[in-house]
Protein backbone atom coordinates (compact mmCIF):
# COMPACT_ATOMS: atom_id res chain seq x y z
CA MET A 1 -17.84 -4.51 7.69
CA LYS A 2 -18.84 -2.58 11.34
CA SER A 3 -16.09 -4.63 13.48
CA PHE A 4 -12.94 -6.45 12.77
CA LYS A 5 -13.76 -8.65 15.68
CA ASN A 6 -13.55 -12.16 15.10
CA LYS A 7 -12.39 -11.79 11.82
CA VAL A 8 -8.96 -12.86 9.88
CA ALA A 9 -6.94 -10.28 7.85
CA ALA A 10 -4.20 -11.18 5.74
CA ILE A 11 -1.82 -8.06 4.94
CA THR A 12 1.28 -7.94 3.12
CA GLY A 13 4.20 -5.69 4.10
CA ALA A 14 3.53 -5.93 7.16
CA GLY A 15 7.14 -5.92 8.58
CA SER A 16 7.24 -2.15 9.22
CA GLY A 17 5.16 1.28 8.52
CA MET A 18 1.51 1.39 7.62
CA GLY A 19 1.41 -2.54 7.49
CA ARG A 20 3.21 -2.90 11.14
CA GLU A 21 -0.02 -0.59 12.41
CA LEU A 22 -2.83 -1.94 10.59
CA ALA A 23 -1.83 -5.58 12.18
CA ILE A 24 -1.43 -3.68 15.94
CA GLN A 25 -4.78 -1.60 15.44
CA LEU A 26 -6.43 -4.97 14.32
CA ALA A 27 -4.76 -7.11 16.89
CA GLU A 28 -6.84 -4.37 19.05
CA GLN A 29 -9.80 -5.00 18.03
CA GLU A 30 -9.67 -8.52 18.33
CA CYS A 31 -9.14 -9.42 14.52
CA SER A 32 -6.70 -12.54 13.62
CA LEU A 33 -3.64 -11.92 11.44
CA ALA A 34 -1.57 -13.59 8.40
CA LEU A 35 1.19 -11.24 8.33
CA SER A 36 4.00 -11.54 5.23
CA ASP A 37 7.34 -9.06 4.31
CA VAL A 38 9.83 -9.57 2.66
CA ASN A 39 11.86 -8.51 5.89
CA GLU A 40 12.09 -11.67 8.13
CA SER A 41 13.45 -9.74 11.16
CA GLY A 42 10.94 -6.45 10.96
CA LEU A 43 7.77 -9.46 10.26
CA ALA A 44 9.21 -10.69 13.82
CA GLU A 45 9.39 -7.67 15.46
CA THR A 46 5.99 -6.91 14.07
CA VAL A 47 4.50 -10.30 15.33
CA GLN A 48 6.55 -9.62 19.33
CA LEU A 49 4.45 -6.21 19.01
CA ILE A 50 0.96 -7.44 18.65
CA LYS A 51 1.83 -10.20 21.14
CA LYS A 52 2.55 -7.63 23.95
CA LYS A 53 -0.54 -5.39 22.74
CA ASN A 54 -2.72 -8.46 23.13
CA PRO A 55 -1.37 -12.27 23.78
CA ASN A 56 -5.03 -13.94 22.52
CA VAL A 57 -4.60 -12.95 19.30
CA SER A 58 -4.15 -15.54 16.58
CA VAL A 59 -1.16 -14.76 14.32
CA THR A 60 0.51 -16.41 11.52
CA SER A 61 3.51 -14.95 9.59
CA GLN A 62 5.65 -15.45 6.39
CA LYS A 63 8.14 -14.33 4.16
CA LEU A 64 7.08 -13.40 1.22
CA ASP A 65 7.63 -11.63 -1.83
CA VAL A 66 4.65 -10.09 -3.40
CA SER A 67 5.73 -10.54 -7.35
CA ASP A 68 6.02 -14.02 -6.81
CA ARG A 69 2.97 -14.82 -8.07
CA SER A 70 2.86 -18.89 -7.16
CA ALA A 71 3.94 -17.97 -3.56
CA VAL A 72 1.32 -15.75 -2.77
CA PHE A 73 -1.36 -17.65 -3.99
CA ASP A 74 0.40 -20.31 -1.71
CA TRP A 75 0.08 -18.09 0.74
CA ALA A 76 -3.67 -17.45 0.58
CA SER A 77 -4.49 -21.11 0.77
CA LYS A 78 -2.04 -21.46 3.67
CA VAL A 79 -3.79 -18.67 5.33
CA ALA A 80 -7.11 -19.89 4.75
CA LYS A 81 -6.33 -23.57 6.07
CA GLU A 82 -4.71 -22.08 9.32
CA HIS A 83 -7.40 -19.32 10.37
CA ASN A 84 -10.11 -21.49 8.49
CA LYS A 85 -11.37 -17.99 6.51
CA VAL A 86 -9.94 -15.04 5.46
CA ASN A 87 -12.02 -11.95 5.45
CA LEU A 88 -10.13 -9.02 4.97
CA ILE A 89 -6.52 -8.58 2.48
CA PHE A 90 -4.16 -5.44 2.84
CA ASN A 91 -2.40 -5.57 -0.09
CA ASN A 92 0.35 -2.98 1.17
CA ALA A 93 3.90 -4.14 0.25
CA GLY A 94 5.55 -1.57 -1.97
CA ILE A 95 9.10 0.00 -2.79
CA ALA A 96 9.97 3.21 -4.67
CA PHE A 97 12.42 4.31 -7.04
CA GLY A 98 13.75 7.18 -8.52
CA SER A 99 14.72 7.91 -12.17
CA THR A 100 14.06 10.09 -15.14
CA ILE A 101 12.32 8.46 -17.83
CA GLU A 102 15.45 7.98 -20.25
CA GLY A 103 17.84 6.81 -17.23
CA PHE A 104 15.85 3.72 -15.68
CA GLU A 105 17.25 0.18 -16.83
CA SER A 106 14.23 -2.17 -18.01
CA ASN A 107 14.84 -4.30 -14.53
CA ASP A 108 14.26 -1.49 -12.00
CA PHE A 109 11.25 -0.58 -14.15
CA ARG A 110 9.64 -4.25 -14.18
CA ARG A 111 10.89 -4.54 -10.16
CA VAL A 112 8.89 -1.84 -9.20
CA MET A 113 5.58 -2.49 -11.27
CA ASP A 114 6.24 -6.44 -10.56
CA ILE A 115 5.96 -5.68 -6.50
CA ASN A 116 3.64 -2.61 -6.57
CA PHE A 117 1.33 -3.45 -8.99
CA GLY A 118 1.85 -7.17 -9.91
CA GLY A 119 2.07 -7.57 -5.80
CA VAL A 120 -1.53 -6.03 -5.66
CA VAL A 121 -3.08 -8.42 -8.63
CA ASN A 122 -1.54 -11.13 -7.20
CA GLY A 123 -2.74 -10.62 -3.68
CA THR A 124 -6.51 -9.75 -4.94
CA GLN A 125 -6.99 -12.73 -7.05
CA ALA A 126 -4.96 -15.35 -4.71
CA PHE A 127 -7.40 -14.22 -1.71
CA LEU A 128 -10.70 -13.19 -3.44
CA PRO A 129 -12.63 -16.38 -3.80
CA TYR A 130 -11.41 -17.25 -0.04
CA LEU A 131 -13.02 -13.65 0.85
CA LYS A 132 -16.48 -14.69 -0.61
CA GLU A 133 -16.48 -17.98 0.61
CA SER A 134 -16.14 -16.07 3.97
CA GLY A 135 -19.69 -13.93 2.97
CA GLU A 136 -18.27 -10.71 4.53
CA GLY A 137 -14.82 -9.54 2.63
CA HIS A 138 -12.92 -6.72 2.03
CA ILE A 139 -9.82 -5.85 -0.71
CA ILE A 140 -7.68 -3.24 0.74
CA ASN A 141 -5.17 -1.71 -2.38
CA THR A 142 -2.46 0.69 -1.31
CA SER A 143 -2.18 3.05 -4.19
CA SER A 144 -0.52 6.84 -3.35
CA VAL A 145 -1.03 10.22 -4.04
CA PHE A 146 0.97 9.32 -6.83
CA GLY A 147 -2.06 7.37 -8.21
CA ILE A 148 -3.47 11.00 -8.63
CA ILE A 149 -0.92 13.04 -9.71
CA ALA A 150 2.29 12.43 -11.21
CA VAL A 151 5.93 14.10 -10.71
CA PRO A 152 9.09 14.08 -12.40
CA GLY A 153 11.98 11.51 -11.60
CA THR A 154 9.26 9.08 -9.75
CA SER A 155 7.57 7.44 -13.33
CA ALA A 156 7.77 3.83 -12.07
CA TYR A 157 6.28 4.67 -8.93
CA ASN A 158 3.53 6.86 -10.68
CA ALA A 159 2.81 4.42 -13.31
CA SER A 160 2.60 1.31 -10.92
CA LYS A 161 0.30 3.61 -8.33
CA PHE A 162 -1.93 4.77 -11.49
CA ALA A 163 -2.56 0.82 -12.47
CA VAL A 164 -3.37 0.14 -8.75
CA ARG A 165 -5.67 2.82 -8.57
CA GLY A 166 -7.72 1.65 -11.80
CA PHE A 167 -7.44 -1.79 -10.94
CA THR A 168 -8.99 -1.43 -7.82
CA GLU A 169 -11.74 0.72 -9.43
CA THR A 170 -12.67 -2.12 -11.77
CA LEU A 171 -12.49 -4.29 -9.01
CA ARG A 172 -15.12 -2.55 -7.17
CA GLN A 173 -17.50 -1.91 -10.17
CA GLU A 174 -17.43 -5.78 -10.84
CA LEU A 175 -17.93 -6.21 -7.29
CA ASP A 176 -20.96 -4.74 -7.38
CA LEU A 177 -21.90 -5.76 -10.17
CA THR A 178 -22.13 -9.48 -9.10
CA LYS A 179 -23.62 -8.50 -5.69
CA ALA A 180 -20.61 -10.31 -4.09
CA LYS A 181 -20.27 -9.74 -1.03
CA VAL A 182 -16.51 -8.76 -1.08
CA SER A 183 -15.90 -5.03 -1.14
CA ALA A 184 -12.96 -3.03 -2.28
CA THR A 185 -11.19 0.38 -1.23
CA SER A 186 -8.37 2.06 -2.97
CA VAL A 187 -5.83 3.57 -0.52
CA HIS A 188 -4.16 7.23 -1.48
CA PRO A 189 -1.37 8.26 1.43
CA GLY A 190 0.39 11.62 1.26
CA GLY A 191 3.68 11.92 2.48
CA ILE A 192 3.73 9.04 5.99
CA LYS A 193 6.80 8.72 8.43
CA THR A 194 8.02 5.46 6.82
CA ALA A 195 11.29 4.34 5.41
CA ILE A 196 10.14 3.80 2.23
CA ALA A 197 11.73 6.87 0.97
CA LYS A 198 14.75 7.00 2.41
CA SER A 199 15.52 3.26 1.50
CA SER A 200 14.53 4.07 -2.45
CA LYS A 201 17.25 3.55 -5.27
CA THR A 202 17.57 6.78 -6.74
CA ASN A 203 19.83 6.28 -9.83
CA ASP A 204 22.14 9.42 -10.91
CA SER A 205 19.73 10.22 -13.86
CA VAL A 206 18.19 12.52 -11.61
CA ARG A 207 20.79 14.99 -11.55
CA ALA A 208 19.02 16.51 -15.07
CA LEU A 209 16.44 17.45 -12.84
CA GLY A 210 18.80 19.11 -10.09
CA LEU A 211 18.30 16.55 -7.66
CA ASP A 212 21.08 14.69 -6.01
CA PRO A 213 20.48 10.95 -5.92
CA ASN A 214 22.49 10.61 -2.36
CA THR A 215 20.05 12.92 -0.54
CA ALA A 216 16.63 13.16 -2.94
CA GLY A 217 14.84 10.28 -0.48
CA GLU A 218 15.85 11.97 2.65
CA LYS A 219 14.97 15.24 1.85
CA MET A 220 11.03 13.98 0.83
CA SER A 221 11.01 12.30 3.71
CA ALA A 222 11.49 14.94 5.79
CA GLN A 223 8.30 16.76 4.35
CA PHE A 224 6.63 13.34 5.54
CA ILE A 225 3.27 14.73 7.99
CA THR A 226 1.42 11.68 8.43
CA THR A 227 2.08 8.73 10.94
CA PRO A 228 1.96 5.53 10.23
CA GLU A 229 -0.69 5.13 13.21
CA ARG A 230 -2.76 8.02 12.24
CA ALA A 231 -2.98 6.25 8.52
CA ALA A 232 -3.33 2.39 9.79
CA LYS A 233 -6.78 4.12 11.89
CA VAL A 234 -7.76 6.12 8.81
CA ILE A 235 -7.80 3.34 6.68
CA LEU A 236 -9.40 0.73 9.08
CA LYS A 237 -12.39 3.39 9.49
CA ALA A 238 -12.54 3.55 5.89
CA VAL A 239 -13.12 0.14 5.58
CA LYS A 240 -15.99 0.03 8.21
CA LYS A 241 -17.93 2.94 6.15
CA ASN A 242 -16.84 0.63 2.84
CA SER A 243 -15.50 3.88 1.10
CA ARG A 244 -14.24 3.06 -2.72
CA ARG A 245 -11.76 6.18 -2.05
CA VAL A 246 -9.79 6.97 1.38
CA LEU A 247 -7.16 10.02 0.84
CA ILE A 248 -4.39 10.04 3.98
CA GLY A 249 -3.47 13.09 4.98
CA PRO A 250 -3.71 16.95 4.55
CA ASP A 251 -1.17 16.78 1.54
CA ALA A 252 -3.23 14.01 -0.14
CA VAL A 253 -6.03 16.26 0.21
CA PHE A 254 -4.63 18.83 -1.21
CA VAL A 255 -3.31 17.47 -4.34
CA ASP A 256 -6.40 15.68 -4.84
CA LEU A 257 -8.29 18.82 -5.05
CA MET A 258 -5.38 20.43 -6.93
CA GLN A 259 -5.74 17.85 -9.60
CA ARG A 260 -9.34 18.43 -9.93
CA LEU A 261 -9.34 22.11 -9.68
CA LEU A 262 -6.37 22.16 -12.56
CA PRO A 263 -6.20 18.77 -13.99
CA THR A 264 -3.27 19.71 -16.49
CA PHE A 265 -1.60 22.51 -15.14
CA TYR A 266 -1.03 21.61 -11.58
CA GLN A 267 1.52 19.08 -13.63
CA VAL A 268 3.39 22.99 -13.84
CA ILE A 269 3.07 23.63 -10.59
CA ILE A 270 3.93 20.85 -8.75
CA GLY A 271 6.86 20.10 -10.81
CA LYS A 272 8.32 23.33 -9.93
CA LEU A 273 7.32 23.31 -6.37
CA LEU A 274 9.03 19.74 -6.12
CA LEU A 275 12.23 20.88 -7.41
CA LYS A 276 12.22 23.94 -5.76
CA GLN A 277 12.15 22.50 -2.10
CA MET A 278 14.02 19.60 -2.68
CA LYS A 279 17.58 21.60 -4.26
């Protein structure tokens, strides 16, 4: 896919952060948009920003919980009818959660998995038939740098993002083998300057790791170095290049290299560094 002009892109988590920036930059490239988010006010703001950038672009929006499988399938069908086709699905919605493995409740773990991983599965399966019909489709699934390495205190988030990576890599191979006119890219952002860490839920169990649950998310956010604008630009470039995987930010590149060179010892290094910075 060398151009987004006259294409149709569906984006989850479009009410803020990377999802919003992806929508804005796609609109600038004359791509029609179907946007969703659980946050209706944030979603409405994104639509307003897009209309200011490109008043002529076709935009639809819908409140959506990506963990609701039937709702995602209904949305995909609606998008295909309203826009006559769908070329891209950005499965971008996600949440963060901090807890030790001993400390999380099953409902907390399930919620992270249902949104971060289940949302990707739902979005992929719901939109794939329409992408195939378009004759030129692409699936973009947001994993994380935490889908490359594991970090103490974020087991549920780690598990969900490792799952997204494995799922997307399998998907890409299956699409290649079946010669489908659809491709897939796994996205691994490092620290992006969005509200995900600040707004994340962290329970008291992380005190056992030397962390303060009241400030852990804010301290982590302070170390983020890549803007959503930059992240979106890199992602869209990767789609045009048909990349199998894309690393977002110099921190993601560093972490990936460290994991390759020190596939097990990185755990000792990253744990000590992170905890030292967070204290």
